[in-house]
Amino acid sequence: MNWSDEQTISFIEMYHDRSLLWDPTNSQYKNKNKRHDGLMEIAISFGMEKFDVEKKIKNLQSQFAREKKKEKESRKTESGADEAYTSKWFGYDGMLFLADKNTPKTTGFSRLQL
């Protein structure tokens, strides 16, 4: 399937609306049946198979991660803010909800207190 920018953005929005698919703090995140249902809603909406939805999500996450990495690395190497890399990928802003998905959460308990 060839995806237009508009279709991809619509896909990203549907994915974002189903936080149980990407947010580990969502109480339904580990519920396989609910996750399946969320993926199937997207699949039906786009006339796809569930497997293809999962594949599209992985591809989008990979592209977003590459863009974030480029930004982070450019900040490390460039002294001037004007020279820092800024993503030009059309889906970048739509995927920002994943920016801190894998950031460790503080628990209020410090290992130093041991």
PDB file of N, CA and C in Angstrom:
ATOM      1  N   MET A   1       0.832  -1.185   0.000  1.00  0.00           N
ATOM      2  CA  MET A   1       0.000   0.000   0.000  1.00  0.00           C
ATOM      3  C   MET A   1       0.874   1.244   0.000  1.00  0.00           C
ATOM      4  N   ASN A   2       0.615   2.135  -0.911  1.00  0.00           N
ATOM      5  CA  ASN A   2       1.310   3.421  -0.919  1.00  0.00           C
ATOM      6  C   ASN A   2       0.536   4.393  -0.042  1.00  0.00           C
ATOM      7  N   TRP A   3       1.238   4.965   0.894  1.00  0.00           N
ATOM      8  CA  TRP A   3       0.616   5.846   1.873  1.00  0.00           C
ATOM      9  C   TRP A   3       0.858   7.300   1.495  1.00  0.00           C
ATOM     10  N   SER A   4      -0.207   8.087   1.455  1.00  0.00           N
ATOM     11  CA  SER A   4      -0.056   9.532   1.293  1.00  0.00           C
ATOM     12  C   SER A   4       0.295  10.107   2.663  1.00  0.00           C
ATOM     13  N   ASP A   5       0.790  11.332   2.645  1.00  0.00           N
ATOM     14  CA  ASP A   5       1.101  11.992   3.915  1.00  0.00           C
ATOM     15  C   ASP A   5      -0.150  12.120   4.772  1.00  0.00           C
ATOM     16  N   GLU A   6      -1.282  12.432   4.138  1.00  0.00           N
ATOM     17  CA  GLU A   6      -2.536  12.605   4.868  1.00  0.00           C
ATOM     18  C   GLU A   6      -2.994  11.296   5.508  1.00  0.00           C
ATOM     19  N   GLN A   7      -2.858  10.189   4.782  1.00  0.00           N
ATOM     20  CA  GLN A   7      -3.241   8.886   5.334  1.00  0.00           C
ATOM     21  C   GLN A   7      -2.354   8.521   6.518  1.00  0.00           C
ATOM     22  N   THR A   8      -1.072   8.789   6.369  1.00  0.00           N
ATOM     23  CA  THR A   8      -0.135   8.477   7.443  1.00  0.00           C
ATOM     24  C   THR A   8      -0.438   9.314   8.682  1.00  0.00           C
ATOM     25  N   ILE A   9      -0.722  10.573   8.499  1.00  0.00           N
ATOM     26  CA  ILE A   9      -1.058  11.437   9.630  1.00  0.00           C
ATOM     27  C   ILE A   9      -2.344  10.955  10.296  1.00  0.00           C
ATOM     28  N   SER A  10      -3.323  10.549   9.498  1.00  0.00           N
ATOM     29  CA  SER A  10      -4.567  10.010  10.052  1.00  0.00           C
ATOM     30  C   SER A  10      -4.291   8.730  10.844  1.00  0.00           C
ATOM     31  N   PHE A  11      -3.410   7.888  10.332  1.00  0.00           N
ATOM     32  CA  PHE A  11      -3.012   6.659  11.015  1.00  0.00           C
ATOM     33  C   PHE A  11      -2.357   7.003  12.357  1.00  0.00           C
ATOM     34  N   ILE A  12      -1.438   7.964  12.341  1.00  0.00           N
ATOM     35  CA  ILE A  12      -0.750   8.382  13.567  1.00  0.00           C
ATOM     36  C   ILE A  12      -1.761   8.888  14.595  1.00  0.00           C
ATOM     37  N   GLU A  13      -2.743   9.654  14.146  1.00  0.00           N
ATOM     38  CA  GLU A  13      -3.765  10.179  15.064  1.00  0.00           C
ATOM     39  C   GLU A  13      -4.578   9.045  15.691  1.00  0.00           C
ATOM     40  N   MET A  14      -4.931   8.043  14.890  1.00  0.00           N
ATOM     41  CA  MET A  14      -5.688   6.908  15.438  1.00  0.00           C
ATOM     42  C   MET A  14      -4.839   6.142  16.448  1.00  0.00           C
ATOM     43  N   TYR A  15      -3.566   5.984  16.146  1.00  0.00           N
ATOM     44  CA  TYR A  15      -2.639   5.314  17.057  1.00  0.00           C
ATOM     45  C   TYR A  15      -2.528   6.122  18.358  1.00  0.00           C
ATOM     46  N   HIS A  16      -2.386   7.427  18.241  1.00  0.00           N
ATOM     47  CA  HIS A  16      -2.277   8.298  19.412  1.00  0.00           C
ATOM     48  C   HIS A  16      -3.530   8.219  20.276  1.00  0.00           C
ATOM     49  N   ASP A  17      -4.693   8.155  19.649  1.00  0.00           N
ATOM     50  CA  ASP A  17      -5.959   8.091  20.386  1.00  0.00           C
ATOM     51  C   ASP A  17      -6.115   6.802  21.191  1.00  0.00           C
ATOM     52  N   ARG A  18      -5.388   5.778  20.842  1.00  0.00           N
ATOM     53  CA  ARG A  18      -5.450   4.488  21.541  1.00  0.00           C
ATOM     54  C   ARG A  18      -4.187   4.317  22.396  1.00  0.00           C
ATOM     55  N   SER A  19      -4.137   5.067  23.485  1.00  0.00           N
ATOM     56  CA  SER A  19      -2.932   5.094  24.316  1.00  0.00           C
ATOM     57  C   SER A  19      -2.594   3.729  24.908  1.00  0.00           C
ATOM     58  N   LEU A  20      -3.552   2.835  24.982  1.00  0.00           N
ATOM     59  CA  LEU A  20      -3.254   1.502  25.512  1.00  0.00           C
ATOM     60  C   LEU A  20      -2.277   0.750  24.605  1.00  0.00           C
ATOM     61  N   LEU A  21      -2.085   1.234  23.376  1.00  0.00           N
ATOM     62  CA  LEU A  21      -1.138   0.604  22.455  1.00  0.00           C
ATOM     63  C   LEU A  21       0.295   1.094  22.658  1.00  0.00           C
ATOM     64  N   TRP A  22       0.459   2.270  23.268  1.00  0.00           N
ATOM     65  CA  TRP A  22       1.810   2.834  23.367  1.00  0.00           C
ATOM     66  C   TRP A  22       2.201   3.363  24.746  1.00  0.00           C
ATOM     67  N   ASP A  23       1.253   3.539  25.640  1.00  0.00           N
ATOM     68  CA  ASP A  23       1.546   4.144  26.941  1.00  0.00           C
ATOM     69  C   ASP A  23       1.598   3.089  28.047  1.00  0.00           C
ATOM     70  N   PRO A  24       2.800   2.765  28.528  1.00  0.00           N
ATOM     71  CA  PRO A  24       2.913   1.740  29.562  1.00  0.00           C
ATOM     72  C   PRO A  24       2.231   2.105  30.875  1.00  0.00           C
ATOM     73  N   THR A  25       1.876   3.379  31.079  1.00  0.00           N
ATOM     74  CA  THR A  25       1.172   3.756  32.302  1.00  0.00           C
ATOM     75  C   THR A  25      -0.340   3.558  32.172  1.00  0.00           C
ATOM     76  N   ASN A  26      -0.819   3.250  30.967  1.00  0.00           N
ATOM     77  CA  ASN A  26      -2.242   2.978  30.759  1.00  0.00           C
ATOM     78  C   ASN A  26      -2.578   1.639  31.413  1.00  0.00           C
ATOM     79  N   SER A  27      -3.648   1.606  32.178  1.00  0.00           N
ATOM     80  CA  SER A  27      -4.010   0.386  32.916  1.00  0.00           C
ATOM     81  C   SER A  27      -4.313  -0.790  31.983  1.00  0.00           C
ATOM     82  N   GLN A  28      -4.667  -0.519  30.728  1.00  0.00           N
ATOM     83  CA  GLN A  28      -4.992  -1.580  29.763  1.00  0.00           C
ATOM     84  C   GLN A  28      -3.797  -1.986  28.897  1.00  0.00           C
ATOM     85  N   TYR A  29      -2.646  -1.355  29.106  1.00  0.00           N
ATOM     86  CA  TYR A  29      -1.465  -1.577  28.262  1.00  0.00           C
ATOM     87  C   TYR A  29      -1.063  -3.054  28.159  1.00  0.00           C
ATOM     88  N   LYS A  30      -1.170  -3.788  29.238  1.00  0.00           N
ATOM     89  CA  LYS A  30      -0.757  -5.193  29.239  1.00  0.00           C
ATOM     90  C   LYS A  30      -1.901  -6.160  28.946  1.00  0.00           C
ATOM     91  N   ASN A  31      -3.081  -5.627  28.690  1.00  0.00           N
ATOM     92  CA  ASN A  31      -4.241  -6.459  28.378  1.00  0.00           C
ATOM     93  C   ASN A  31      -4.224  -6.808  26.883  1.00  0.00           C
ATOM     94  N   LYS A  32      -3.837  -8.040  26.573  1.00  0.00           N
ATOM     95  CA  LYS A  32      -3.681  -8.456  25.171  1.00  0.00           C
ATOM     96  C   LYS A  32      -4.977  -8.353  24.380  1.00  0.00           C
ATOM     97  N   ASN A  33      -6.108  -8.638  25.027  1.00  0.00           N
ATOM     98  CA  ASN A  33      -7.387  -8.558  24.321  1.00  0.00           C
ATOM     99  C   ASN A  33      -7.724  -7.117  23.944  1.00  0.00           C
ATOM    100  N   LYS A  34      -7.515  -6.194  24.874  1.00  0.00           N
ATOM    101  CA  LYS A  34      -7.784  -4.782  24.601  1.00  0.00           C
ATOM    102  C   LYS A  34      -6.835  -4.247  23.534  1.00  0.00           C
ATOM    103  N   ARG A  35      -5.559  -4.646  23.612  1.00  0.00           N
ATOM    104  CA  ARG A  35      -4.582  -4.220  22.608  1.00  0.00           C
ATOM    105  C   ARG A  35      -4.976  -4.747  21.230  1.00  0.00           C
ATOM    106  N   HIS A  36      -5.395  -5.999  21.189  1.00  0.00           N
ATOM    107  CA  HIS A  36      -5.856  -6.595  19.932  1.00  0.00           C
ATOM    108  C   HIS A  36      -7.025  -5.790  19.367  1.00  0.00           C
ATOM    109  N   ASP A  37      -7.979  -5.455  20.240  1.00  0.00           N
ATOM    110  CA  ASP A  37      -9.144  -4.685  19.804  1.00  0.00           C
ATOM    111  C   ASP A  37      -8.723  -3.317  19.247  1.00  0.00           C
ATOM    112  N   GLY A  38      -7.797  -2.658  19.905  1.00  0.00           N
ATOM    113  CA  GLY A  38      -7.313  -1.357  19.442  1.00  0.00           C
ATOM    114  C   GLY A  38      -6.652  -1.447  18.076  1.00  0.00           C
ATOM    115  N   LEU A  39      -5.837  -2.480  17.903  1.00  0.00           N
ATOM    116  CA  LEU A  39      -5.182  -2.684  16.609  1.00  0.00           C
ATOM    117  C   LEU A  39      -6.192  -3.015  15.519  1.00  0.00           C
ATOM    118  N   MET A  40      -7.200  -3.809  15.879  1.00  0.00           N
ATOM    119  CA  MET A  40      -8.226  -4.176  14.905  1.00  0.00           C
ATOM    120  C   MET A  40      -9.066  -2.973  14.486  1.00  0.00           C
ATOM    121  N   GLU A  41      -9.332  -2.060  15.406  1.00  0.00           N
ATOM    122  CA  GLU A  41     -10.071  -0.843  15.052  1.00  0.00           C
ATOM    123  C   GLU A  41      -9.318  -0.060  13.979  1.00  0.00           C
ATOM    124  N   ILE A  42      -8.012   0.056  14.159  1.00  0.00           N
ATOM    125  CA  ILE A  42      -7.194   0.757  13.166  1.00  0.00           C
ATOM    126  C   ILE A  42      -7.184  -0.027  11.858  1.00  0.00           C
ATOM    127  N   ALA A  43      -7.016  -1.337  11.954  1.00  0.00           N
ATOM    128  CA  ALA A  43      -6.961  -2.186  10.755  1.00  0.00           C
ATOM    129  C   ALA A  43      -8.242  -2.061   9.934  1.00  0.00           C
ATOM    130  N   ILE A  44      -9.367  -2.136  10.593  1.00  0.00           N
ATOM    131  CA  ILE A  44     -10.656  -2.041   9.894  1.00  0.00           C
ATOM    132  C   ILE A  44     -10.803  -0.666   9.253  1.00  0.00           C
ATOM    133  N   SER A  45     -10.411   0.356   9.975  1.00  0.00           N
ATOM    134  CA  SER A  45     -10.538   1.716   9.478  1.00  0.00           C
ATOM    135  C   SER A  45      -9.724   1.944   8.200  1.00  0.00           C
ATOM    136  N   PHE A  46      -8.582   1.266   8.101  1.00  0.00           N
ATOM    137  CA  PHE A  46      -7.709   1.445   6.941  1.00  0.00           C
ATOM    138  C   PHE A  46      -7.795   0.275   5.951  1.00  0.00           C
ATOM    139  N   GLY A  47      -8.670  -0.685   6.218  1.00  0.00           N
ATOM    140  CA  GLY A  47      -8.801  -1.833   5.325  1.00  0.00           C
ATOM    141  C   GLY A  47      -7.534  -2.668   5.255  1.00  0.00           C
ATOM    142  N   MET A  48      -6.939  -2.906   6.415  1.00  0.00           N
ATOM    143  CA  MET A  48      -5.672  -3.628   6.512  1.00  0.00           C
ATOM    144  C   MET A  48      -5.834  -4.839   7.420  1.00  0.00           C
ATOM    145  N   GLU A  49      -4.802  -5.653   7.422  1.00  0.00           N
ATOM    146  CA  GLU A  49      -4.705  -6.747   8.376  1.00  0.00           C
ATOM    147  C   GLU A  49      -4.023  -6.224   9.644  1.00  0.00           C
ATOM    148  N   LYS A  50      -4.299  -6.872  10.766  1.00  0.00           N
ATOM    149  CA  LYS A  50      -3.696  -6.474  12.046  1.00  0.00           C
ATOM    150  C   LYS A  50      -2.169  -6.504  11.955  1.00  0.00           C
ATOM    151  N   PHE A  51      -1.630  -7.517  11.315  1.00  0.00           N
ATOM    152  CA  PHE A  51      -0.183  -7.644  11.153  1.00  0.00           C
ATOM    153  C   PHE A  51       0.395  -6.408  10.452  1.00  0.00           C
ATOM    154  N   ASP A  52      -0.309  -5.925   9.422  1.00  0.00           N
ATOM    155  CA  ASP A  52       0.167  -4.758   8.683  1.00  0.00           C
ATOM    156  C   ASP A  52       0.110  -3.489   9.523  1.00  0.00           C
ATOM    157  N   VAL A  53      -0.871  -3.394  10.402  1.00  0.00           N
ATOM    158  CA  VAL A  53      -0.958  -2.255  11.326  1.00  0.00           C
ATOM    159  C   VAL A  53       0.248  -2.277  12.263  1.00  0.00           C
ATOM    160  N   GLU A  54       0.545  -3.440  12.810  1.00  0.00           N
ATOM    161  CA  GLU A  54       1.697  -3.574  13.713  1.00  0.00           C
ATOM    162  C   GLU A  54       2.992  -3.209  12.986  1.00  0.00           C
ATOM    163  N   LYS A  55       3.109  -3.635  11.745  1.00  0.00           N
ATOM    164  CA  LYS A  55       4.293  -3.341  10.944  1.00  0.00           C
ATOM    165  C   LYS A  55       4.401  -1.835  10.682  1.00  0.00           C
ATOM    166  N   LYS A  56       3.279  -1.202  10.359  1.00  0.00           N
ATOM    167  CA  LYS A  56       3.271   0.247  10.105  1.00  0.00           C
ATOM    168  C   LYS A  56       3.663   1.005  11.370  1.00  0.00           C
ATOM    169  N   ILE A  57       3.146   0.579  12.509  1.00  0.00           N
ATOM    170  CA  ILE A  57       3.483   1.224  13.782  1.00  0.00           C
ATOM    171  C   ILE A  57       4.982   1.111  14.042  1.00  0.00           C
ATOM    172  N   LYS A  58       5.548  -0.070  13.845  1.00  0.00           N
ATOM    173  CA  LYS A  58       6.987  -0.263  14.064  1.00  0.00           C
ATOM    174  C   LYS A  58       7.809   0.627  13.136  1.00  0.00           C
ATOM    175  N   ASN A  59       7.383   0.728  11.878  1.00  0.00           N
ATOM    176  CA  ASN A  59       8.095   1.576  10.922  1.00  0.00           C
ATOM    177  C   ASN A  59       8.043   3.047  11.336  1.00  0.00           C
ATOM    178  N   LEU A  60       6.866   3.497  11.767  1.00  0.00           N
ATOM    179  CA  LEU A  60       6.729   4.887  12.206  1.00  0.00           C
ATOM    180  C   LEU A  60       7.563   5.151  13.458  1.00  0.00           C
ATOM    181  N   GLN A  61       7.552   4.205  14.390  1.00  0.00           N
ATOM    182  CA  GLN A  61       8.351   4.360  15.606  1.00  0.00           C
ATOM    183  C   GLN A  61       9.840   4.412  15.273  1.00  0.00           C
ATOM    184  N   SER A  62      10.262   3.598  14.327  1.00  0.00           N
ATOM    185  CA  SER A  62      11.667   3.584  13.927  1.00  0.00           C
ATOM    186  C   SER A  62      12.072   4.900  13.289  1.00  0.00           C
ATOM    187  N   GLN A  63      11.231   5.412  12.393  1.00  0.00           N
ATOM    188  CA  GLN A  63      11.520   6.692  11.751  1.00  0.00           C
ATOM    189  C   GLN A  63      11.582   7.810  12.791  1.00  0.00           C
ATOM    190  N   PHE A  64      10.640   7.808  13.714  1.00  0.00           N
ATOM    191  CA  PHE A  64      10.623   8.825  14.758  1.00  0.00           C
ATOM    192  C   PHE A  64      11.886   8.730  15.617  1.00  0.00           C
ATOM    193  N   ALA A  65      12.277   7.520  15.975  1.00  0.00           N
ATOM    194  CA  ALA A  65      13.485   7.326  16.791  1.00  0.00           C
ATOM    195  C   ALA A  65      14.728   7.831  16.054  1.00  0.00           C
ATOM    196  N   ARG A  66      14.804   7.583  14.752  1.00  0.00           N
ATOM    197  CA  ARG A  66      15.945   8.078  13.971  1.00  0.00           C
ATOM    198  C   ARG A  66      15.998   9.606  13.990  1.00  0.00           C
ATOM    199  N   GLU A  67      14.835  10.228  13.826  1.00  0.00           N
ATOM    200  CA  GLU A  67      14.778  11.688  13.823  1.00  0.00           C
ATOM    201  C   GLU A  67      15.169  12.245  15.189  1.00  0.00           C
ATOM    202  N   LYS A  68      14.660  11.634  16.270  1.00  0.00           N
ATOM    203  CA  LYS A  68      15.012  12.082  17.622  1.00  0.00           C
ATOM    204  C   LYS A  68      16.515  11.934  17.857  1.00  0.00           C
ATOM    205  N   LYS A  69      17.078  10.839  17.382  1.00  0.00           N
ATOM    206  CA  LYS A  69      18.511  10.597  17.562  1.00  0.00           C
ATOM    207  C   LYS A  69      19.331  11.659  16.831  1.00  0.00           C
ATOM    208  N   LYS A  70      18.920  12.004  15.614  1.00  0.00           N
ATOM    209  CA  LYS A  70      19.625  13.042  14.856  1.00  0.00           C
ATOM    210  C   LYS A  70      19.588  14.371  15.612  1.00  0.00           C
ATOM    211  N   GLU A  71      18.419  14.695  16.171  1.00  0.00           N
ATOM    212  CA  GLU A  71      18.301  15.936  16.946  1.00  0.00           C
ATOM    213  C   GLU A  71      19.219  15.915  18.154  1.00  0.00           C
ATOM    214  N   LYS A  72      19.201  14.821  18.870  1.00  0.00           N
ATOM    215  CA  LYS A  72      20.003  14.703  20.090  1.00  0.00           C
ATOM    216  C   LYS A  72      21.490  14.787  19.765  1.00  0.00           C
ATOM    217  N   GLU A  73      21.914  14.091  18.740  1.00  0.00           N
ATOM    218  CA  GLU A  73      23.330  14.100  18.371  1.00  0.00           C
ATOM    219  C   GLU A  73      23.776  15.461  17.868  1.00  0.00           C
ATOM    220  N   SER A  74      22.901  16.169  17.167  1.00  0.00           N
ATOM    221  CA  SER A  74      23.291  17.486  16.656  1.00  0.00           C
ATOM    222  C   SER A  74      23.444  18.477  17.803  1.00  0.00           C
ATOM    223  N   ARG A  75      22.663  18.312  18.879  1.00  0.00           N
ATOM    224  CA  ARG A  75      22.793  19.188  20.041  1.00  0.00           C
ATOM    225  C   ARG A  75      24.102  18.943  20.775  1.00  0.00           C
ATOM    226  N   LYS A  76      24.576  17.701  20.741  1.00  0.00           N
ATOM    227  CA  LYS A  76      25.829  17.366  21.421  1.00  0.00           C
ATOM    228  C   LYS A  76      27.026  17.959  20.685  1.00  0.00           C
ATOM    229  N   THR A  77      26.968  17.972  19.352  1.00  0.00           N
ATOM    230  CA  THR A  77      28.133  18.364  18.574  1.00  0.00           C
ATOM    231  C   THR A  77      28.157  19.832  18.179  1.00  0.00           C
ATOM    232  N   GLU A  78      27.008  20.461  18.100  1.00  0.00           N
ATOM    233  CA  GLU A  78      26.938  21.854  17.656  1.00  0.00           C
ATOM    234  C   GLU A  78      26.883  22.791  18.863  1.00  0.00           C
ATOM    235  N   SER A  79      27.668  23.831  18.797  1.00  0.00           N
ATOM    236  CA  SER A  79      27.645  24.800  19.893  1.00  0.00           C
ATOM    237  C   SER A  79      26.548  25.842  19.692  1.00  0.00           C
ATOM    238  N   GLY A  80      26.202  26.136  18.456  1.00  0.00           N
ATOM    239  CA  GLY A  80      25.158  27.132  18.191  1.00  0.00           C
ATOM    240  C   GLY A  80      23.805  26.484  17.988  1.00  0.00           C
ATOM    241  N   ALA A  81      22.779  27.028  18.590  1.00  0.00           N
ATOM    242  CA  ALA A  81      21.434  26.459  18.496  1.00  0.00           C
ATOM    243  C   ALA A  81      20.893  26.553  17.075  1.00  0.00           C
ATOM    244  N   ASP A  82      21.347  27.551  16.297  1.00  0.00           N
ATOM    245  CA  ASP A  82      20.863  27.721  14.935  1.00  0.00           C
ATOM    246  C   ASP A  82      21.294  26.568  14.035  1.00  0.00           C
ATOM    247  N   GLU A  83      22.356  25.870  14.405  1.00  0.00           N
ATOM    248  CA  GLU A  83      22.883  24.808  13.581  1.00  0.00           C
ATOM    249  C   GLU A  83      22.353  23.427  13.971  1.00  0.00           C
ATOM    250  N   ALA A  84      21.579  23.343  15.028  1.00  0.00           N
ATOM    251  CA  ALA A  84      21.057  22.058  15.489  1.00  0.00           C
ATOM    252  C   ALA A  84      20.080  21.499  14.455  1.00  0.00           C
ATOM    253  N   TYR A  85      20.060  20.188  14.341  1.00  0.00           N
ATOM    254  CA  TYR A  85      19.177  19.514  13.392  1.00  0.00           C
ATOM    255  C   TYR A  85      17.724  19.652  13.827  1.00  0.00           C
ATOM    256  N   THR A  86      16.868  19.966  12.883  1.00  0.00           N
ATOM    257  CA  THR A  86      15.428  20.009  13.106  1.00  0.00           C
ATOM    258  C   THR A  86      14.791  19.092  12.070  1.00  0.00           C
ATOM    259  N   SER A  87      14.001  18.171  12.532  1.00  0.00           N
ATOM    260  CA  SER A  87      13.388  17.201  11.638  1.00  0.00           C
ATOM    261  C   SER A  87      12.477  17.872  10.620  1.00  0.00           C
ATOM    262  N   LYS A  88      12.573  17.394   9.394  1.00  0.00           N
ATOM    263  CA  LYS A  88      11.700  17.866   8.323  1.00  0.00           C
ATOM    264  C   LYS A  88      10.682  16.784   7.944  1.00  0.00           C
ATOM    265  N   TRP A  89      10.710  15.665   8.649  1.00  0.00           N
ATOM    266  CA  TRP A  89       9.785  14.569   8.365  1.00  0.00           C
ATOM    267  C   TRP A  89       8.372  15.006   8.728  1.00  0.00           C
ATOM    268  N   PHE A  90       7.454  14.845   7.810  1.00  0.00           N
ATOM    269  CA  PHE A  90       6.087  15.334   7.984  1.00  0.00           C
ATOM    270  C   PHE A  90       5.375  14.711   9.184  1.00  0.00           C
ATOM    271  N   GLY A  91       5.745  13.517   9.587  1.00  0.00           N
ATOM    272  CA  GLY A  91       5.066  12.842  10.693  1.00  0.00           C
ATOM    273  C   GLY A  91       5.668  13.118  12.057  1.00  0.00           C
ATOM    274  N   TYR A  92       6.736  13.877  12.087  1.00  0.00           N
ATOM    275  CA  TYR A  92       7.470  14.079  13.338  1.00  0.00           C
ATOM    276  C   TYR A  92       6.605  14.690  14.438  1.00  0.00           C
ATOM    277  N   ASP A  93       5.950  15.798  14.142  1.00  0.00           N
ATOM    278  CA  ASP A  93       5.147  16.472  15.167  1.00  0.00           C
ATOM    279  C   ASP A  93       4.022  15.578  15.680  1.00  0.00           C
ATOM    280  N   GLY A  94       3.434  14.803  14.790  1.00  0.00           N
ATOM    281  CA  GLY A  94       2.363  13.898  15.188  1.00  0.00           C
ATOM    282  C   GLY A  94       2.829  12.779  16.097  1.00  0.00           C
ATOM    283  N   MET A  95       4.094  12.435  16.016  1.00  0.00           N
ATOM    284  CA  MET A  95       4.645  11.338  16.809  1.00  0.00           C
ATOM    285  C   MET A  95       5.291  11.807  18.116  1.00  0.00           C
ATOM    286  N   LEU A  96       5.279  13.088  18.383  1.00  0.00           N
ATOM    287  CA  LEU A  96       5.923  13.599  19.600  1.00  0.00           C
ATOM    288  C   LEU A  96       5.352  13.023  20.889  1.00  0.00           C
ATOM    289  N   PHE A  97       4.154  12.479  20.836  1.00  0.00           N
ATOM    290  CA  PHE A  97       3.587  11.870  22.045  1.00  0.00           C
ATOM    291  C   PHE A  97       4.424  10.681  22.506  1.00  0.00           C
ATOM    292  N   LEU A  98       5.277  10.157  21.636  1.00  0.00           N
ATOM    293  CA  LEU A  98       6.148   9.031  21.993  1.00  0.00           C
ATOM    294  C   LEU A  98       7.512   9.490  22.511  1.00  0.00           C
ATOM    295  N   ALA A  99       7.739  10.789  22.566  1.00  0.00           N
ATOM    296  CA  ALA A  99       9.067  11.318  22.887  1.00  0.00           C
ATOM    297  C   ALA A  99       9.626  10.797  24.199  1.00  0.00           C
ATOM    298  N   ASP A 100       8.803  10.664  25.219  1.00  0.00           N
ATOM    299  CA  ASP A 100       9.331  10.202  26.506  1.00  0.00           C
ATOM    300  C   ASP A 100       8.777   8.835  26.899  1.00  0.00           C
ATOM    301  N   LYS A 101       8.316   8.093  25.918  1.00  0.00           N
ATOM    302  CA  LYS A 101       7.725   6.776  26.175  1.00  0.00           C
ATOM    303  C   LYS A 101       8.675   5.854  26.939  1.00  0.00           C
ATOM    304  N   ASN A 102       9.935   5.883  26.598  1.00  0.00           N
ATOM    305  CA  ASN A 102      10.897   4.962  27.212  1.00  0.00           C
ATOM    306  C   ASN A 102      11.764   5.624  28.269  1.00  0.00           C
ATOM    307  N   THR A 103      11.382   6.820  28.697  1.00  0.00           N
ATOM    308  CA  THR A 103      12.120   7.493  29.754  1.00  0.00           C
ATOM    309  C   THR A 103      11.751   6.870  31.089  1.00  0.00           C
ATOM    310  N   PRO A 104      12.740   6.461  31.864  1.00  0.00           N
ATOM    311  CA  PRO A 104      12.423   5.874  33.165  1.00  0.00           C
ATOM    312  C   PRO A 104      11.667   6.866  34.041  1.00  0.00           C
ATOM    313  N   LYS A 105      10.672   6.384  34.714  1.00  0.00           N
ATOM    314  CA  LYS A 105       9.867   7.219  35.604  1.00  0.00           C
ATOM    315  C   LYS A 105      10.481   7.179  36.992  1.00  0.00           C
ATOM    316  N   THR A 106      10.426   8.299  37.688  1.00  0.00           N
ATOM    317  CA  THR A 106      10.927   8.315  39.055  1.00  0.00           C
ATOM    318  C   THR A 106       9.864   7.711  39.966  1.00  0.00           C
ATOM    319  N   THR A 107      10.305   6.960  40.931  1.00  0.00           N
ATOM    320  CA  THR A 107       9.379   6.275  41.830  1.00  0.00           C
ATOM    321  C   THR A 107       9.309   6.947  43.192  1.00  0.00           C
ATOM    322  N   GLY A 108      10.145   7.951  43.378  1.00  0.00           N
ATOM    323  CA  GLY A 108      10.174   8.597  44.685  1.00  0.00           C
ATOM    324  C   GLY A 108      11.119   7.883  45.634  1.00  0.00           C
ATOM    325  N   PHE A 109      11.696   6.801  45.165  1.00  0.00           N
ATOM    326  CA  PHE A 109      12.618   6.028  45.973  1.00  0.00           C
ATOM    327  C   PHE A 109      13.991   6.122  45.337  1.00  0.00           C
ATOM    328  N   SER A 110      14.946   6.511  46.086  1.00  0.00           N
ATOM    329  CA  SER A 110      16.302   6.667  45.561  1.00  0.00           C
ATOM    330  C   SER A 110      17.170   5.513  46.045  1.00  0.00           C
ATOM    331  N   ARG A 111      17.996   5.005  45.150  1.00  0.00           N
ATOM    332  CA  ARG A 111      18.925   3.929  45.520  1.00  0.00           C
ATOM    333  C   ARG A 111      19.930   4.444  46.547  1.00  0.00           C
ATOM    334  N   LEU A 112      20.128   5.761  46.552  1.00  0.00           N
ATOM    335  CA  LEU A 112      21.075   6.322  47.497  1.00  0.00           C
ATOM    336  C   LEU A 112      20.563   6.264  48.934  1.00  0.00           C
ATOM    337  N   GLN A 113      19.264   6.081  49.092  1.00  0.00           N
ATOM    338  CA  GLN A 113      18.695   6.014  50.434  1.00  0.00           C
ATOM    339  C   GLN A 113      18.960   4.673  51.113  1.00  0.00           C
ATOM    340  N   LEU A 114      19.428   3.710  50.349  1.00  0.00           N
ATOM    341  CA  LEU A 114      19.694   2.387  50.918  1.00  0.00           C
ATOM    342  C   LEU A 114      20.805   2.415  51.870  1.00  0.00           C
TER     343      LEU A 114
END
